[in-house]
Structure formats: C-alpha cells, structure tokens
C-alpha cells in the first residue's frame, strides 16, 4: 500500500513521518511527484480544504486501489481575532512568510487583553473506499514576543497550555508531537489508515 502525504512543507512532512514511523517505508510526499500541480485550497473551512487537496492528489495519481492520500489543513485561531487568521493562517500577511505573519499577529494583538488561541488541524484520508475527515486541536495563548527556533509557522508565538511559558518552538519535537493539533488529528486518523492497510 502506498501512502502519499499531500504536502511539500518540510515541517509537516517530518511530523507525519515521525508520527507514522511504523509505515515509513510506504510514505512519500508531493516533492517526489513534481508533475502534480499544487493542490487547490479555496474552500471556506479546514475540513473542506483538506478534503479538496486529498481528492485532487488522489485523482492525479490515478485513483489506484493500493493508494491512500492524506492531506491536512491547519491553522491558528485567535479568540480576539474572531477565530482569525484561521484558514488564512499561511496567507495572513502580504508577504505570506512565517516572519511576516508572526509580526502581523503581534501587531494585531498589541492592545488586546485576551491572547487565548488554538491550533486546529483537519486531516482528510482518501482511498478507493471514499473520504473520511478527522480533527485535532491544541489550546494555548499567544506570547508577546517570539521565542525559540524549533517548529515552523506560528510556533515561536504559541504557548500551549501543557507547557506554560514555553512556546511550541522551544519544546522538543517529541514533546510537540505528544500535544500538537496535528498529532491529535493523526491519532484519530490512524485507526482509519490502519483499517485500509493490508494485514
């Protein structure tokens, strides 16, 4: 069985490979399929975007019976921003870089008394048996300044509830994978994936 992770994001790729280490030999990612265009991502929800990406890649690879495509859509939802940047997390700033996104977020929250937020992840699993979607969330707060060099995206600003005063970018990859939104979503996805794998 072939498992394709529908991403070229190296941070996501690394996390998925660690979390699916029992099936690592069967896993590939989109950087190994340069002929596949970037999957569309124009839905109005995390579930919709994950499903759209996974179904697109599944169709591009020929909808084979021994193929599972996994796609995720994730983002940061901040209470004071009415759930924003949400599905636009990657495209929050004009530059669409992590540095610019984090800078814009700090500016947006400069005068806010509330800094509560959560990361959300939706994972879509597509095979010849159909499409299934699961979710995971990680709750915390937004720091007042960047801290740490690990992780990616908003990790240097996000303080998870389980690690007070430590951002996602300062904890180890193992610690992050025990609490992250993607780890929780993938935990919910694993029984589905394993049910599709041959015995």
C-alpha atoms as a PDB file:
ATOM      1  CA  UNK A   1       0.000   0.000   0.000  1.00  0.00           C
ATOM      2  CA  UNK A   2       1.287   3.440  -0.950  1.00  0.00           C
ATOM      3  CA  UNK A   3       0.680   6.365   1.431  1.00  0.00           C
ATOM      4  CA  UNK A   4       1.094   9.834  -0.067  1.00  0.00           C
ATOM      5  CA  UNK A   5       1.153  12.909   2.163  1.00  0.00           C
ATOM      6  CA  UNK A   6      -0.262  15.758   0.099  1.00  0.00           C
ATOM      7  CA  UNK A   7       2.255  18.422   1.100  1.00  0.00           C
ATOM      8  CA  UNK A   8       5.656  19.800   0.135  1.00  0.00           C
ATOM      9  CA  UNK A   9       6.006  21.546   3.507  1.00  0.00           C
ATOM     10  CA  UNK A  10       9.125  20.002   5.024  1.00  0.00           C
ATOM     11  CA  UNK A  11       7.978  20.683   8.590  1.00  0.00           C
ATOM     12  CA  UNK A  12       4.686  18.881   8.029  1.00  0.00           C
ATOM     13  CA  UNK A  13       6.434  16.101   6.135  1.00  0.00           C
ATOM     14  CA  UNK A  14       8.821  15.495   9.032  1.00  0.00           C
ATOM     15  CA  UNK A  15       5.976  15.445  11.574  1.00  0.00           C
ATOM     16  CA  UNK A  16       3.919  12.988   9.551  1.00  0.00           C
ATOM     17  CA  UNK A  17       6.915  10.694   9.053  1.00  0.00           C
ATOM     18  CA  UNK A  18       7.639  10.650  12.780  1.00  0.00           C
ATOM     19  CA  UNK A  19       4.011  10.058  13.676  1.00  0.00           C
ATOM     20  CA  UNK A  20       3.623   7.314  11.038  1.00  0.00           C
ATOM     21  CA  UNK A  21       7.034   5.743  11.627  1.00  0.00           C
ATOM     22  CA  UNK A  22       5.557   2.215  11.613  1.00  0.00           C
ATOM     23  CA  UNK A  23       4.688   2.744   7.929  1.00  0.00           C
ATOM     24  CA  UNK A  24       7.631   4.960   6.963  1.00  0.00           C
ATOM     25  CA  UNK A  25       8.775   2.760   4.065  1.00  0.00           C
ATOM     26  CA  UNK A  26       5.396   3.215   2.375  1.00  0.00           C
ATOM     27  CA  UNK A  27       5.255   7.011   2.749  1.00  0.00           C
ATOM     28  CA  UNK A  28       6.011   9.582   0.072  1.00  0.00           C
ATOM     29  CA  UNK A  29       5.238  13.272  -0.282  1.00  0.00           C
ATOM     30  CA  UNK A  30       4.449  15.663  -3.108  1.00  0.00           C
ATOM     31  CA  UNK A  31       8.052  16.730  -3.563  1.00  0.00           C
ATOM     32  CA  UNK A  32       8.561  13.260  -5.064  1.00  0.00           C
ATOM     33  CA  UNK A  33       5.839  13.918  -7.673  1.00  0.00           C
ATOM     34  CA  UNK A  34       6.937  17.094  -9.482  1.00  0.00           C
ATOM     35  CA  UNK A  35       4.379  16.514 -12.249  1.00  0.00           C
ATOM     36  CA  UNK A  36       1.488  17.122  -9.828  1.00  0.00           C
ATOM     37  CA  UNK A  37       0.395  20.789  -9.695  1.00  0.00           C
ATOM     38  CA  UNK A  38      -0.063  22.432  -6.328  1.00  0.00           C
ATOM     39  CA  UNK A  39      -3.393  21.192  -4.955  1.00  0.00           C
ATOM     40  CA  UNK A  40      -6.204  23.762  -4.859  1.00  0.00           C
ATOM     41  CA  UNK A  41      -7.125  25.209  -1.481  1.00  0.00           C
ATOM     42  CA  UNK A  42     -10.103  27.502  -1.942  1.00  0.00           C
ATOM     43  CA  UNK A  43     -12.753  26.106   0.403  1.00  0.00           C
ATOM     44  CA  UNK A  44     -14.176  28.011   3.374  1.00  0.00           C
ATOM     45  CA  UNK A  45     -13.248  25.538   6.124  1.00  0.00           C
ATOM     46  CA  UNK A  46     -10.338  23.407   7.324  1.00  0.00           C
ATOM     47  CA  UNK A  47     -12.325  20.241   6.543  1.00  0.00           C
ATOM     48  CA  UNK A  48     -13.123  21.500   3.050  1.00  0.00           C
ATOM     49  CA  UNK A  49      -9.540  22.423   2.211  1.00  0.00           C
ATOM     50  CA  UNK A  50      -8.121  19.125   3.492  1.00  0.00           C
ATOM     51  CA  UNK A  51     -10.683  17.153   1.502  1.00  0.00           C
ATOM     52  CA  UNK A  52     -10.119  19.189  -1.653  1.00  0.00           C
ATOM     53  CA  UNK A  53      -6.338  18.681  -1.508  1.00  0.00           C
ATOM     54  CA  UNK A  54      -6.511  14.950  -0.798  1.00  0.00           C
ATOM     55  CA  UNK A  55      -9.080  14.239  -3.501  1.00  0.00           C
ATOM     56  CA  UNK A  56      -7.110  16.285  -6.045  1.00  0.00           C
ATOM     57  CA  UNK A  57      -3.875  14.364  -5.416  1.00  0.00           C
ATOM     58  CA  UNK A  58      -5.728  11.036  -5.400  1.00  0.00           C
ATOM     59  CA  UNK A  59      -7.152  11.822  -8.849  1.00  0.00           C
ATOM     60  CA  UNK A  60      -3.745  12.995 -10.133  1.00  0.00           C
ATOM     61  CA  UNK A  61      -2.191   9.667  -9.089  1.00  0.00           C
ATOM     62  CA  UNK A  62      -4.776   7.614 -10.906  1.00  0.00           C
ATOM     63  CA  UNK A  63      -7.138   6.676  -8.058  1.00  0.00           C
ATOM     64  CA  UNK A  64      -5.363   3.332  -7.599  1.00  0.00           C
ATOM     65  CA  UNK A  65      -6.674   0.649  -5.246  1.00  0.00           C
ATOM     66  CA  UNK A  66      -3.350   0.436  -3.371  1.00  0.00           C
ATOM     67  CA  UNK A  67      -3.176   4.189  -2.755  1.00  0.00           C
ATOM     68  CA  UNK A  68      -4.024   6.265   0.319  1.00  0.00           C
ATOM     69  CA  UNK A  69      -3.710  10.039   0.149  1.00  0.00           C
ATOM     70  CA  UNK A  70      -3.585  12.051   3.362  1.00  0.00           C
ATOM     71  CA  UNK A  71      -3.956  15.826   3.355  1.00  0.00           C
ATOM     72  CA  UNK A  72      -4.245  18.246   6.200  1.00  0.00           C
ATOM     73  CA  UNK A  73      -5.328  21.821   6.567  1.00  0.00           C
ATOM     74  CA  UNK A  74      -4.367  23.552   9.723  1.00  0.00           C
ATOM     75  CA  UNK A  75      -4.136  26.999  11.165  1.00  0.00           C
ATOM     76  CA  UNK A  76      -4.146  29.273  14.161  1.00  0.00           C
ATOM     77  CA  UNK A  77      -7.464  30.533  15.548  1.00  0.00           C
ATOM     78  CA  UNK A  78      -7.230  33.521  17.900  1.00  0.00           C
ATOM     79  CA  UNK A  79     -10.194  34.452  20.096  1.00  0.00           C
ATOM     80  CA  UNK A  80      -9.526  38.208  19.918  1.00  0.00           C
ATOM     81  CA  UNK A  81      -9.454  37.996  16.111  1.00  0.00           C
ATOM     82  CA  UNK A  82     -12.812  36.175  15.994  1.00  0.00           C
ATOM     83  CA  UNK A  83     -11.093  32.940  15.028  1.00  0.00           C
ATOM     84  CA  UNK A  84      -8.627  34.513  12.620  1.00  0.00           C
ATOM     85  CA  UNK A  85      -6.308  34.081  10.868  1.00  0.00           C
ATOM     86  CA  UNK A  86      -7.887  30.579  10.685  1.00  0.00           C
ATOM     87  CA  UNK A  87      -7.854  29.064   7.191  1.00  0.00           C
ATOM     88  CA  UNK A  88      -5.816  32.065   6.034  1.00  0.00           C
ATOM     89  CA  UNK A  89      -3.005  31.418   8.539  1.00  0.00           C
ATOM     90  CA  UNK A  90      -0.376  30.738   5.872  1.00  0.00           C
ATOM     91  CA  UNK A  91      -1.527  33.744   3.830  1.00  0.00           C
ATOM     92  CA  UNK A  92      -2.149  36.109   6.758  1.00  0.00           C
ATOM     93  CA  UNK A  93       0.400  38.732   5.743  1.00  0.00           C
ATOM     94  CA  UNK A  94       1.052  40.281   2.348  1.00  0.00           C
ATOM     95  CA  UNK A  95       4.450  38.548   2.225  1.00  0.00           C
ATOM     96  CA  UNK A  96       2.972  35.179   3.261  1.00  0.00           C
ATOM     97  CA  UNK A  97       6.096  34.252   5.236  1.00  0.00           C
ATOM     98  CA  UNK A  98       6.269  32.990   8.811  1.00  0.00           C
ATOM     99  CA  UNK A  99       8.272  36.043   9.868  1.00  0.00           C
ATOM    100  CA  UNK A 100       5.772  38.490   8.381  1.00  0.00           C
ATOM    101  CA  UNK A 101       2.764  36.512   9.661  1.00  0.00           C
ATOM    102  CA  UNK A 102       4.115  36.491  13.208  1.00  0.00           C
ATOM    103  CA  UNK A 103       4.900  40.202  13.042  1.00  0.00           C
ATOM    104  CA  UNK A 104       1.358  40.990  11.859  1.00  0.00           C
ATOM    105  CA  UNK A 105      -0.138  38.810  14.604  1.00  0.00           C
ATOM    106  CA  UNK A 106       1.864  40.572  17.325  1.00  0.00           C
ATOM    107  CA  UNK A 107       0.730  43.915  15.952  1.00  0.00           C
ATOM    108  CA  UNK A 108      -2.923  42.818  15.797  1.00  0.00           C
ATOM    109  CA  UNK A 109      -2.836  41.726  19.452  1.00  0.00           C
ATOM    110  CA  UNK A 110      -0.769  44.639  20.758  1.00  0.00           C
ATOM    111  CA  UNK A 111      -3.686  46.195  22.664  1.00  0.00           C
ATOM    112  CA  UNK A 112      -5.710  43.056  23.279  1.00  0.00           C
ATOM    113  CA  UNK A 113      -6.347  41.888  26.859  1.00  0.00           C
ATOM    114  CA  UNK A 114      -7.158  38.390  25.563  1.00  0.00           C
ATOM    115  CA  UNK A 115      -4.470  36.236  23.992  1.00  0.00           C
ATOM    116  CA  UNK A 116      -6.283  32.888  24.017  1.00  0.00           C
ATOM    117  CA  UNK A 117      -5.879  30.828  20.862  1.00  0.00           C
ATOM    118  CA  UNK A 118      -5.813  27.307  19.498  1.00  0.00           C
ATOM    119  CA  UNK A 119      -4.261  25.443  16.623  1.00  0.00           C
ATOM    120  CA  UNK A 120      -6.736  23.401  14.564  1.00  0.00           C
ATOM    121  CA  UNK A 121      -5.942  20.551  12.186  1.00  0.00           C
ATOM    122  CA  UNK A 122      -8.279  18.694   9.857  1.00  0.00           C
ATOM    123  CA  UNK A 123      -6.965  15.553   8.142  1.00  0.00           C
ATOM    124  CA  UNK A 124      -8.660  14.006   5.123  1.00  0.00           C
ATOM    125  CA  UNK A 125      -7.946  10.379   4.199  1.00  0.00           C
ATOM    126  CA  UNK A 126      -8.862   9.462   0.633  1.00  0.00           C
ATOM    127  CA  UNK A 127      -8.752   5.953  -0.837  1.00  0.00           C
ATOM    128  CA  UNK A 128     -10.831   3.920  -3.263  1.00  0.00           C
ATOM    129  CA  UNK A 129     -13.156   3.360  -0.288  1.00  0.00           C
ATOM    130  CA  UNK A 130     -14.039   7.056  -0.088  1.00  0.00           C
ATOM    131  CA  UNK A 131     -13.121  10.095   2.010  1.00  0.00           C
ATOM    132  CA  UNK A 132     -13.002  10.430   5.790  1.00  0.00           C
ATOM    133  CA  UNK A 133     -12.079  13.541   7.792  1.00  0.00           C
ATOM    134  CA  UNK A 134     -10.877  13.848  11.396  1.00  0.00           C
ATOM    135  CA  UNK A 135      -9.824  16.816  13.527  1.00  0.00           C
ATOM    136  CA  UNK A 136      -7.493  17.762  16.363  1.00  0.00           C
ATOM    137  CA  UNK A 137      -6.894  20.914  18.393  1.00  0.00           C
ATOM    138  CA  UNK A 138      -4.228  22.290  20.727  1.00  0.00           C
ATOM    139  CA  UNK A 139      -5.165  25.138  23.077  1.00  0.00           C
ATOM    140  CA  UNK A 140      -2.934  27.856  24.455  1.00  0.00           C
ATOM    141  CA  UNK A 141      -2.089  31.560  24.367  1.00  0.00           C
ATOM    142  CA  UNK A 142      -0.125  33.939  22.164  1.00  0.00           C
ATOM    143  CA  UNK A 143       3.165  35.217  23.610  1.00  0.00           C
ATOM    144  CA  UNK A 144       4.142  38.895  23.485  1.00  0.00           C
ATOM    145  CA  UNK A 145       7.406  38.131  21.711  1.00  0.00           C
ATOM    146  CA  UNK A 146       8.994  35.422  19.588  1.00  0.00           C
ATOM    147  CA  UNK A 147      10.812  32.618  21.402  1.00  0.00           C
ATOM    148  CA  UNK A 148      12.617  29.522  20.120  1.00  0.00           C
ATOM    149  CA  UNK A 149      13.873  28.247  16.779  1.00  0.00           C
ATOM    150  CA  UNK A 150      12.109  24.880  16.531  1.00  0.00           C
ATOM    151  CA  UNK A 151       8.947  24.036  14.656  1.00  0.00           C
ATOM    152  CA  UNK A 152       7.589  26.334  11.965  1.00  0.00           C
ATOM    153  CA  UNK A 153       4.863  28.899  11.283  1.00  0.00           C
ATOM    154  CA  UNK A 154       3.417  30.430  14.446  1.00  0.00           C
ATOM    155  CA  UNK A 155       5.245  28.036  16.785  1.00  0.00           C
ATOM    156  CA  UNK A 156       7.569  30.778  18.186  1.00  0.00           C
ATOM    157  CA  UNK A 157       4.491  32.683  19.444  1.00  0.00           C
ATOM    158  CA  UNK A 158       2.188  29.890  20.601  1.00  0.00           C
ATOM    159  CA  UNK A 159       2.374  28.819  24.251  1.00  0.00           C
ATOM    160  CA  UNK A 160       0.498  25.510  24.649  1.00  0.00           C
ATOM    161  CA  UNK A 161      -1.454  25.013  27.865  1.00  0.00           C
ATOM    162  CA  UNK A 162       0.659  21.956  28.691  1.00  0.00           C
ATOM    163  CA  UNK A 163       3.939  23.935  28.679  1.00  0.00           C
ATOM    164  CA  UNK A 164       3.354  27.250  30.428  1.00  0.00           C
ATOM    165  CA  UNK A 165       5.807  29.980  29.423  1.00  0.00           C
ATOM    166  CA  UNK A 166       7.334  27.747  26.715  1.00  0.00           C
ATOM    167  CA  UNK A 167       6.402  28.247  23.089  1.00  0.00           C
ATOM    168  CA  UNK A 168       5.973  25.412  20.598  1.00  0.00           C
ATOM    169  CA  UNK A 169       9.331  26.485  19.148  1.00  0.00           C
ATOM    170  CA  UNK A 170      11.195  25.878  22.422  1.00  0.00           C
ATOM    171  CA  UNK A 171       9.940  22.380  23.257  1.00  0.00           C
ATOM    172  CA  UNK A 172      11.352  19.213  21.685  1.00  0.00           C
ATOM    173  CA  UNK A 173       9.865  17.588  18.586  1.00  0.00           C
ATOM    174  CA  UNK A 174       8.874  14.634  20.770  1.00  0.00           C
ATOM    175  CA  UNK A 175       7.050  16.915  23.203  1.00  0.00           C
ATOM    176  CA  UNK A 176       5.336  18.765  20.370  1.00  0.00           C
ATOM    177  CA  UNK A 177       4.210  15.510  18.774  1.00  0.00           C
ATOM    178  CA  UNK A 178       2.592  14.479  22.054  1.00  0.00           C
ATOM    179  CA  UNK A 179       0.313  17.535  22.249  1.00  0.00           C
ATOM    180  CA  UNK A 180       0.046  19.154  18.819  1.00  0.00           C
ATOM    181  CA  UNK A 181      -3.168  19.610  16.877  1.00  0.00           C
ATOM    182  CA  UNK A 182      -1.704  17.558  14.030  1.00  0.00           C
ATOM    183  CA  UNK A 183      -0.680  14.741  16.377  1.00  0.00           C
ATOM    184  CA  UNK A 184      -4.177  14.642  17.874  1.00  0.00           C
ATOM    185  CA  UNK A 185      -5.814  14.632  14.432  1.00  0.00           C
ATOM    186  CA  UNK A 186      -3.443  11.938  13.207  1.00  0.00           C
ATOM    187  CA  UNK A 187      -4.163   9.851  16.310  1.00  0.00           C
ATOM    188  CA  UNK A 188      -7.805   9.955  15.250  1.00  0.00           C
ATOM    189  CA  UNK A 189      -6.784   9.166  11.661  1.00  0.00           C
ATOM    190  CA  UNK A 190      -4.543   6.190  12.470  1.00  0.00           C
ATOM    191  CA  UNK A 191      -7.355   3.649  13.017  1.00  0.00           C
ATOM    192  CA  UNK A 192      -8.814   4.657   9.646  1.00  0.00           C
ATOM    193  CA  UNK A 193      -5.426   4.398   7.891  1.00  0.00           C
ATOM    194  CA  UNK A 194      -4.616   1.058   9.524  1.00  0.00           C
ATOM    195  CA  UNK A 195      -8.043  -0.237   8.508  1.00  0.00           C
ATOM    196  CA  UNK A 196      -7.128   0.490   4.892  1.00  0.00           C
ATOM    197  CA  UNK A 197      -3.713  -1.197   5.065  1.00  0.00           C
ATOM    198  CA  UNK A 198      -3.322  -4.893   4.180  1.00  0.00           C
ATOM    199  CA  UNK A 199      -2.937  -7.294   7.112  1.00  0.00           C
END
